Amino acid sequence: MSGQASTAEGVLEYLIKSIVENPDAVEIEVSEDERCTFSVTVADDDMGRVIGKRGRVANAIRTIVRAAAVRDEIEIDVDFVD
């Protein structure tokens, strides 16, 4: 886990692994520039679960992780990578 956004990363990992069928395939890559960006990769079969209809699940995940990032005092973005 990254030191700067450890709470947000932990929340993101927990949420994603709870949703997917194959939690071992979940990878979270962290890049820290002026904003911290989490790039999430899941198994091909699980991408639909993570995105949800009209992106509602993905937006909910982003909202929860951004709320957790307040505790880390950092702004973050969450990207879902095919």
PDB file of N, CA and C in Angstrom:
ATOM      1  N   MET A   1       0.829  -1.196   0.000  1.00  0.00           N
ATOM      2  CA  MET A   1       0.000   0.000   0.000  1.00  0.00           C
ATOM      3  C   MET A   1       0.861   1.242   0.000  1.00  0.00           C
ATOM      4  N   SER A   2       0.349   2.259  -0.638  1.00  0.00           N
ATOM      5  CA  SER A   2       1.094   3.508  -0.666  1.00  0.00           C
ATOM      6  C   SER A   2       0.976   4.180   0.694  1.00  0.00           C
ATOM      7  N   GLY A   3       1.991   4.876   1.097  1.00  0.00           N
ATOM      8  CA  GLY A   3       1.989   5.507   2.398  1.00  0.00           C
ATOM      9  C   GLY A   3       1.064   6.700   2.484  1.00  0.00           C
ATOM     10  N   GLN A   4       0.939   7.450   1.391  1.00  0.00           N
ATOM     11  CA  GLN A   4       0.203   8.703   1.411  1.00  0.00           C
ATOM     12  C   GLN A   4      -1.313   8.496   1.431  1.00  0.00           C
ATOM     13  N   ALA A   5      -1.805   7.449   0.801  1.00  0.00           N
ATOM     14  CA  ALA A   5      -3.251   7.225   0.709  1.00  0.00           C
ATOM     15  C   ALA A   5      -3.610   5.809   1.157  1.00  0.00           C
ATOM     16  N   SER A   6      -3.055   5.390   2.272  1.00  0.00           N
ATOM     17  CA  SER A   6      -3.235   4.005   2.697  1.00  0.00           C
ATOM     18  C   SER A   6      -4.684   3.686   3.074  1.00  0.00           C
ATOM     19  N   THR A   7      -5.389   4.623   3.700  1.00  0.00           N
ATOM     20  CA  THR A   7      -6.786   4.373   4.062  1.00  0.00           C
ATOM     21  C   THR A   7      -7.639   4.205   2.813  1.00  0.00           C
ATOM     22  N   ALA A   8      -7.501   5.119   1.872  1.00  0.00           N
ATOM     23  CA  ALA A   8      -8.284   5.064   0.636  1.00  0.00           C
ATOM     24  C   ALA A   8      -7.965   3.795  -0.151  1.00  0.00           C
ATOM     25  N   GLU A   9      -6.708   3.419  -0.221  1.00  0.00           N
ATOM     26  CA  GLU A   9      -6.327   2.224  -0.958  1.00  0.00           C
ATOM     27  C   GLU A   9      -6.887   0.966  -0.298  1.00  0.00           C
ATOM     28  N   GLY A  10      -6.874   0.915   1.010  1.00  0.00           N
ATOM     29  CA  GLY A  10      -7.436  -0.218   1.722  1.00  0.00           C
ATOM     30  C   GLY A  10      -8.935  -0.358   1.492  1.00  0.00           C
ATOM     31  N   VAL A  11      -9.639   0.761   1.515  1.00  0.00           N
ATOM     32  CA  VAL A  11     -11.079   0.761   1.257  1.00  0.00           C
ATOM     33  C   VAL A  11     -11.357   0.312  -0.176  1.00  0.00           C
ATOM     34  N   LEU A  12     -10.593   0.839  -1.127  1.00  0.00           N
ATOM     35  CA  LEU A  12     -10.775   0.468  -2.530  1.00  0.00           C
ATOM     36  C   LEU A  12     -10.550  -1.033  -2.728  1.00  0.00           C
ATOM     37  N   GLU A  13      -9.486  -1.546  -2.164  1.00  0.00           N
ATOM     38  CA  GLU A  13      -9.177  -2.972  -2.310  1.00  0.00           C
ATOM     39  C   GLU A  13     -10.284  -3.833  -1.706  1.00  0.00           C
ATOM     40  N   TYR A  14     -10.770  -3.463  -0.542  1.00  0.00           N
ATOM     41  CA  TYR A  14     -11.838  -4.214   0.103  1.00  0.00           C
ATOM     42  C   TYR A  14     -13.109  -4.212  -0.751  1.00  0.00           C
ATOM     43  N   LEU A  15     -13.500  -3.045  -1.266  1.00  0.00           N
ATOM     44  CA  LEU A  15     -14.716  -2.945  -2.071  1.00  0.00           C
ATOM     45  C   LEU A  15     -14.619  -3.778  -3.349  1.00  0.00           C
ATOM     46  N   ILE A  16     -13.518  -3.630  -4.068  1.00  0.00           N
ATOM     47  CA  ILE A  16     -13.367  -4.336  -5.336  1.00  0.00           C
ATOM     48  C   ILE A  16     -13.343  -5.848  -5.113  1.00  0.00           C
ATOM     49  N   LYS A  17     -12.577  -6.304  -4.138  1.00  0.00           N
ATOM     50  CA  LYS A  17     -12.478  -7.749  -3.891  1.00  0.00           C
ATOM     51  C   LYS A  17     -13.794  -8.338  -3.390  1.00  0.00           C
ATOM     52  N   SER A  18     -14.644  -7.509  -2.780  1.00  0.00           N
ATOM     53  CA  SER A  18     -15.952  -7.974  -2.331  1.00  0.00           C
ATOM     54  C   SER A  18     -16.932  -8.143  -3.483  1.00  0.00           C
ATOM     55  N   ILE A  19     -16.734  -7.410  -4.557  1.00  0.00           N
ATOM     56  CA  ILE A  19     -17.662  -7.412  -5.689  1.00  0.00           C
ATOM     57  C   ILE A  19     -17.337  -8.506  -6.700  1.00  0.00           C
ATOM     58  N   VAL A  20     -16.064  -8.732  -6.951  1.00  0.00           N
ATOM     59  CA  VAL A  20     -15.655  -9.599  -8.058  1.00  0.00           C
ATOM     60  C   VAL A  20     -15.736 -11.083  -7.710  1.00  0.00           C
ATOM     61  N   GLU A  21     -15.791 -11.920  -8.756  1.00  0.00           N
ATOM     62  CA  GLU A  21     -15.788 -13.375  -8.595  1.00  0.00           C
ATOM     63  C   GLU A  21     -14.371 -13.904  -8.358  1.00  0.00           C
ATOM     64  N   ASN A  22     -13.373 -13.210  -8.934  1.00  0.00           N
ATOM     65  CA  ASN A  22     -11.987 -13.659  -8.854  1.00  0.00           C
ATOM     66  C   ASN A  22     -11.136 -12.589  -8.147  1.00  0.00           C
ATOM     67  N   PRO A  23     -11.163 -12.557  -6.812  1.00  0.00           N
ATOM     68  CA  PRO A  23     -10.427 -11.506  -6.095  1.00  0.00           C
ATOM     69  C   PRO A  23      -8.905 -11.585  -6.248  1.00  0.00           C
ATOM     70  N   ASP A  24      -8.385 -12.758  -6.620  1.00  0.00           N
ATOM     71  CA  ASP A  24      -6.935 -12.885  -6.798  1.00  0.00           C
ATOM     72  C   ASP A  24      -6.433 -12.132  -8.023  1.00  0.00           C
ATOM     73  N   ALA A  25      -7.332 -11.827  -8.969  1.00  0.00           N
ATOM     74  CA  ALA A  25      -6.944 -11.126 -10.190  1.00  0.00           C
ATOM     75  C   ALA A  25      -6.962  -9.609 -10.033  1.00  0.00           C
ATOM     76  N   VAL A  26      -7.371  -9.118  -8.875  1.00  0.00           N
ATOM     77  CA  VAL A  26      -7.463  -7.675  -8.659  1.00  0.00           C
ATOM     78  C   VAL A  26      -6.069  -7.087  -8.476  1.00  0.00           C
ATOM     79  N   GLU A  27      -5.777  -6.046  -9.250  1.00  0.00           N
ATOM     80  CA  GLU A  27      -4.511  -5.321  -9.113  1.00  0.00           C
ATOM     81  C   GLU A  27      -4.807  -3.837  -9.016  1.00  0.00           C
ATOM     82  N   ILE A  28      -4.170  -3.175  -8.080  1.00  0.00           N
ATOM     83  CA  ILE A  28      -4.338  -1.734  -7.915  1.00  0.00           C
ATOM     84  C   ILE A  28      -2.970  -1.097  -8.048  1.00  0.00           C
ATOM     85  N   GLU A  29      -2.840  -0.262  -9.062  1.00  0.00           N
ATOM     86  CA  GLU A  29      -1.580   0.435  -9.310  1.00  0.00           C
ATOM     87  C   GLU A  29      -1.742   1.885  -8.864  1.00  0.00           C
ATOM     88  N   VAL A  30      -0.794   2.387  -8.117  1.00  0.00           N
ATOM     89  CA  VAL A  30      -0.878   3.735  -7.577  1.00  0.00           C
ATOM     90  C   VAL A  30       0.139   4.632  -8.268  1.00  0.00           C
ATOM     91  N   SER A  31      -0.331   5.774  -8.766  1.00  0.00           N
ATOM     92  CA  SER A  31       0.594   6.776  -9.297  1.00  0.00           C
ATOM     93  C   SER A  31       0.314   8.091  -8.588  1.00  0.00           C
ATOM     94  N   GLU A  32       1.354   8.655  -8.039  1.00  0.00           N
ATOM     95  CA  GLU A  32       1.204   9.871  -7.251  1.00  0.00           C
ATOM     96  C   GLU A  32       1.882  11.037  -7.942  1.00  0.00           C
ATOM     97  N   ASP A  33       1.049  11.950  -8.474  1.00  0.00           N
ATOM     98  CA  ASP A  33       1.535  13.207  -9.040  1.00  0.00           C
ATOM     99  C   ASP A  33       0.981  14.308  -8.139  1.00  0.00           C
ATOM    100  N   GLU A  34       0.314  15.302  -8.742  1.00  0.00           N
ATOM    101  CA  GLU A  34      -0.356  16.301  -7.909  1.00  0.00           C
ATOM    102  C   GLU A  34      -1.614  15.703  -7.279  1.00  0.00           C
ATOM    103  N   ARG A  35      -2.180  14.698  -7.951  1.00  0.00           N
ATOM    104  CA  ARG A  35      -3.290  13.905  -7.412  1.00  0.00           C
ATOM    105  C   ARG A  35      -2.861  12.451  -7.395  1.00  0.00           C
ATOM    106  N   CYS A  36      -3.378  11.704  -6.468  1.00  0.00           N
ATOM    107  CA  CYS A  36      -3.097  10.274  -6.399  1.00  0.00           C
ATOM    108  C   CYS A  36      -4.113   9.559  -7.287  1.00  0.00           C
ATOM    109  N   THR A  37      -3.642   8.690  -8.166  1.00  0.00           N
ATOM    110  CA  THR A  37      -4.528   7.955  -9.063  1.00  0.00           C
ATOM    111  C   THR A  37      -4.374   6.465  -8.823  1.00  0.00           C
ATOM    112  N   PHE A  38      -5.507   5.801  -8.601  1.00  0.00           N
ATOM    113  CA  PHE A  38      -5.545   4.355  -8.472  1.00  0.00           C
ATOM    114  C   PHE A  38      -6.047   3.784  -9.787  1.00  0.00           C
ATOM    115  N   SER A  39      -5.259   2.943 -10.417  1.00  0.00           N
ATOM    116  CA  SER A  39      -5.666   2.245 -11.639  1.00  0.00           C
ATOM    117  C   SER A  39      -5.997   0.807 -11.252  1.00  0.00           C
ATOM    118  N   VAL A  40      -7.267   0.451 -11.413  1.00  0.00           N
ATOM    119  CA  VAL A  40      -7.758  -0.854 -10.974  1.00  0.00           C
ATOM    120  C   VAL A  40      -7.898  -1.777 -12.175  1.00  0.00           C
ATOM    121  N   THR A  41      -7.309  -2.965 -12.074  1.00  0.00           N
ATOM    122  CA  THR A  41      -7.430  -3.997 -13.100  1.00  0.00           C
ATOM    123  C   THR A  41      -8.068  -5.222 -12.457  1.00  0.00           C
ATOM    124  N   VAL A  42      -9.102  -5.753 -13.129  1.00  0.00           N
ATOM    125  CA  VAL A  42      -9.767  -6.965 -12.651  1.00  0.00           C
ATOM    126  C   VAL A  42      -9.819  -7.966 -13.800  1.00  0.00           C
ATOM    127  N   ALA A  43     -10.246  -9.193 -13.506  1.00  0.00           N
ATOM    128  CA  ALA A  43     -10.408 -10.199 -14.558  1.00  0.00           C
ATOM    129  C   ALA A  43     -11.460  -9.724 -15.556  1.00  0.00           C
ATOM    130  N   ASP A  44     -11.326 -10.148 -16.815  1.00  0.00           N
ATOM    131  CA  ASP A  44     -12.249  -9.710 -17.873  1.00  0.00           C
ATOM    132  C   ASP A  44     -13.706  -9.990 -17.514  1.00  0.00           C
ATOM    133  N   ASP A  45     -13.971 -11.126 -16.916  1.00  0.00           N
ATOM    134  CA  ASP A  45     -15.343 -11.484 -16.551  1.00  0.00           C
ATOM    135  C   ASP A  45     -15.916 -10.591 -15.459  1.00  0.00           C
ATOM    136  N   ASP A  46     -15.056  -9.971 -14.664  1.00  0.00           N
ATOM    137  CA  ASP A  46     -15.506  -9.161 -13.537  1.00  0.00           C
ATOM    138  C   ASP A  46     -15.672  -7.681 -13.860  1.00  0.00           C
ATOM    139  N   MET A  47     -15.222  -7.247 -15.021  1.00  0.00           N
ATOM    140  CA  MET A  47     -15.276  -5.817 -15.337  1.00  0.00           C
ATOM    141  C   MET A  47     -16.716  -5.299 -15.321  1.00  0.00           C
ATOM    142  N   GLY A  48     -17.645  -6.069 -15.829  1.00  0.00           N
ATOM    143  CA  GLY A  48     -19.046  -5.645 -15.830  1.00  0.00           C
ATOM    144  C   GLY A  48     -19.599  -5.470 -14.422  1.00  0.00           C
ATOM    145  N   ARG A  49     -19.177  -6.310 -13.507  1.00  0.00           N
ATOM    146  CA  ARG A  49     -19.616  -6.196 -12.111  1.00  0.00           C
ATOM    147  C   ARG A  49     -19.105  -4.907 -11.493  1.00  0.00           C
ATOM    148  N   VAL A  50     -17.870  -4.569 -11.800  1.00  0.00           N
ATOM    149  CA  VAL A  50     -17.243  -3.389 -11.194  1.00  0.00           C
ATOM    150  C   VAL A  50     -17.820  -2.100 -11.782  1.00  0.00           C
ATOM    151  N   ILE A  51     -18.109  -2.097 -13.069  1.00  0.00           N
ATOM    152  CA  ILE A  51     -18.653  -0.901 -13.708  1.00  0.00           C
ATOM    153  C   ILE A  51     -20.136  -0.745 -13.380  1.00  0.00           C
ATOM    154  N   GLY A  52     -20.911  -1.816 -13.502  1.00  0.00           N
ATOM    155  CA  GLY A  52     -22.341  -1.755 -13.215  1.00  0.00           C
ATOM    156  C   GLY A  52     -23.122  -1.111 -14.344  1.00  0.00           C
ATOM    157  N   LYS A  53     -24.439  -1.137 -14.233  1.00  0.00           N
ATOM    158  CA  LYS A  53     -25.290  -0.521 -15.251  1.00  0.00           C
ATOM    159  C   LYS A  53     -25.105   0.984 -15.220  1.00  0.00           C
ATOM    160  N   ARG A  54     -24.838   1.526 -16.402  1.00  0.00           N
ATOM    161  CA  ARG A  54     -24.620   2.971 -16.567  1.00  0.00           C
ATOM    162  C   ARG A  54     -23.507   3.514 -15.662  1.00  0.00           C
ATOM    163  N   GLY A  55     -22.606   2.642 -15.233  1.00  0.00           N
ATOM    164  CA  GLY A  55     -21.467   3.072 -14.426  1.00  0.00           C
ATOM    165  C   GLY A  55     -21.800   3.398 -12.986  1.00  0.00           C
ATOM    166  N   ARG A  56     -22.949   2.951 -12.530  1.00  0.00           N
ATOM    167  CA  ARG A  56     -23.384   3.317 -11.173  1.00  0.00           C
ATOM    168  C   ARG A  56     -22.502   2.710 -10.096  1.00  0.00           C
ATOM    169  N   VAL A  57     -22.100   1.464 -10.262  1.00  0.00           N
ATOM    170  CA  VAL A  57     -21.241   0.825  -9.256  1.00  0.00           C
ATOM    171  C   VAL A  57     -19.881   1.522  -9.233  1.00  0.00           C
ATOM    172  N   ALA A  58     -19.332   1.800 -10.403  1.00  0.00           N
ATOM    173  CA  ALA A  58     -18.029   2.478 -10.480  1.00  0.00           C
ATOM    174  C   ALA A  58     -18.103   3.853  -9.822  1.00  0.00           C
ATOM    175  N   ASN A  59     -19.169   4.592 -10.073  1.00  0.00           N
ATOM    176  CA  ASN A  59     -19.315   5.916  -9.461  1.00  0.00           C
ATOM    177  C   ASN A  59     -19.471   5.810  -7.947  1.00  0.00           C
ATOM    178  N   ALA A  60     -20.184   4.797  -7.482  1.00  0.00           N
ATOM    179  CA  ALA A  60     -20.337   4.608  -6.041  1.00  0.00           C
ATOM    180  C   ALA A  60     -18.991   4.277  -5.394  1.00  0.00           C
ATOM    181  N   ILE A  61     -18.216   3.431  -6.059  1.00  0.00           N
ATOM    182  CA  ILE A  61     -16.880   3.098  -5.544  1.00  0.00           C
ATOM    183  C   ILE A  61     -16.022   4.351  -5.468  1.00  0.00           C
ATOM    184  N   ARG A  62     -16.039   5.162  -6.523  1.00  0.00           N
ATOM    185  CA  ARG A  62     -15.250   6.409  -6.524  1.00  0.00           C
ATOM    186  C   ARG A  62     -15.665   7.322  -5.365  1.00  0.00           C
ATOM    187  N   THR A  63     -16.965   7.446  -5.138  1.00  0.00           N
ATOM    188  CA  THR A  63     -17.460   8.317  -4.070  1.00  0.00           C
ATOM    189  C   THR A  63     -16.990   7.840  -2.702  1.00  0.00           C
ATOM    190  N   ILE A  64     -17.090   6.546  -2.445  1.00  0.00           N
ATOM    191  CA  ILE A  64     -16.682   5.994  -1.148  1.00  0.00           C
ATOM    192  C   ILE A  64     -15.180   6.142  -0.941  1.00  0.00           C
ATOM    193  N   VAL A  65     -14.405   5.867  -1.984  1.00  0.00           N
ATOM    194  CA  VAL A  65     -12.943   5.951  -1.851  1.00  0.00           C
ATOM    195  C   VAL A  65     -12.498   7.402  -1.684  1.00  0.00           C
ATOM    196  N   ARG A  66     -13.156   8.327  -2.370  1.00  0.00           N
ATOM    197  CA  ARG A  66     -12.827   9.747  -2.175  1.00  0.00           C
ATOM    198  C   ARG A  66     -13.147  10.196  -0.759  1.00  0.00           C
ATOM    199  N   ALA A  67     -14.233   9.679  -0.190  1.00  0.00           N
ATOM    200  CA  ALA A  67     -14.573  10.002   1.202  1.00  0.00           C
ATOM    201  C   ALA A  67     -13.505   9.453   2.146  1.00  0.00           C
ATOM    202  N   ALA A  68     -13.018   8.255   1.872  1.00  0.00           N
ATOM    203  CA  ALA A  68     -11.949   7.676   2.694  1.00  0.00           C
ATOM    204  C   ALA A  68     -10.656   8.473   2.551  1.00  0.00           C
ATOM    205  N   ALA A  69     -10.435   9.054   1.377  1.00  0.00           N
ATOM    206  CA  ALA A  69      -9.211   9.825   1.132  1.00  0.00           C
ATOM    207  C   ALA A  69      -9.176  11.112   1.939  1.00  0.00           C
ATOM    208  N   VAL A  70     -10.331  11.577   2.389  1.00  0.00           N
ATOM    209  CA  VAL A  70     -10.364  12.768   3.240  1.00  0.00           C
ATOM    210  C   VAL A  70      -9.553  12.515   4.503  1.00  0.00           C
ATOM    211  N   ARG A  71      -9.633  11.293   4.998  1.00  0.00           N
ATOM    212  CA  ARG A  71      -8.860  10.934   6.195  1.00  0.00           C
ATOM    213  C   ARG A  71      -7.363  10.979   5.915  1.00  0.00           C
ATOM    214  N   ASP A  72      -6.980  10.652   4.673  1.00  0.00           N
ATOM    215  CA  ASP A  72      -5.568  10.706   4.270  1.00  0.00           C
ATOM    216  C   ASP A  72      -5.139  12.119   3.884  1.00  0.00           C
ATOM    217  N   GLU A  73      -6.104  13.039   3.816  1.00  0.00           N
ATOM    218  CA  GLU A  73      -5.865  14.431   3.414  1.00  0.00           C
ATOM    219  C   GLU A  73      -5.219  14.512   2.036  1.00  0.00           C
ATOM    220  N   ILE A  74      -5.831  13.790   1.089  1.00  0.00           N
ATOM    221  CA  ILE A  74      -5.329  13.771  -0.291  1.00  0.00           C
ATOM    222  C   ILE A  74      -6.501  13.627  -1.226  1.00  0.00           C
ATOM    223  N   GLU A  75      -6.374  14.197  -2.430  1.00  0.00           N
ATOM    224  CA  GLU A  75      -7.387  14.021  -3.453  1.00  0.00           C
ATOM    225  C   GLU A  75      -6.980  12.860  -4.340  1.00  0.00           C
ATOM    226  N   ILE A  76      -7.959  12.030  -4.702  1.00  0.00           N
ATOM    227  CA  ILE A  76      -7.631  10.853  -5.497  1.00  0.00           C
ATOM    228  C   ILE A  76      -8.581  10.700  -6.676  1.00  0.00           C
ATOM    229  N   ASP A  77      -8.135   9.924  -7.645  1.00  0.00           N
ATOM    230  CA  ASP A  77      -8.950   9.501  -8.777  1.00  0.00           C
ATOM    231  C   ASP A  77      -8.887   7.977  -8.834  1.00  0.00           C
ATOM    232  N   VAL A  78      -9.976   7.368  -9.286  1.00  0.00           N
ATOM    233  CA  VAL A  78     -10.004   5.924  -9.456  1.00  0.00           C
ATOM    234  C   VAL A  78     -10.324   5.636 -10.924  1.00  0.00           C
ATOM    235  N   ASP A  79      -9.443   4.935 -11.610  1.00  0.00           N
ATOM    236  CA  ASP A  79      -9.627   4.549 -13.008  1.00  0.00           C
ATOM    237  C   ASP A  79      -9.745   3.041 -13.087  1.00  0.00           C
ATOM    238  N   PHE A  80     -10.674   2.578 -13.915  1.00  0.00           N
ATOM    239  CA  PHE A  80     -10.841   1.146 -14.145  1.00  0.00           C
ATOM    240  C   PHE A  80     -10.255   0.819 -15.504  1.00  0.00           C
ATOM    241  N   VAL A  81      -9.230  -0.048 -15.526  1.00  0.00           N
ATOM    242  CA  VAL A  81      -8.458  -0.341 -16.728  1.00  0.00           C
ATOM    243  C   VAL A  81      -8.909  -1.673 -17.313  1.00  0.00           C
ATOM    244  N   ASP A  82      -9.179  -1.668 -18.631  1.00  0.00           N
ATOM    245  CA  ASP A  82      -9.552  -2.920 -19.320  1.00  0.00           C
ATOM    246  C   ASP A  82      -8.349  -3.815 -19.472  1.00  0.00           C
TER     247      ASP A  82
END
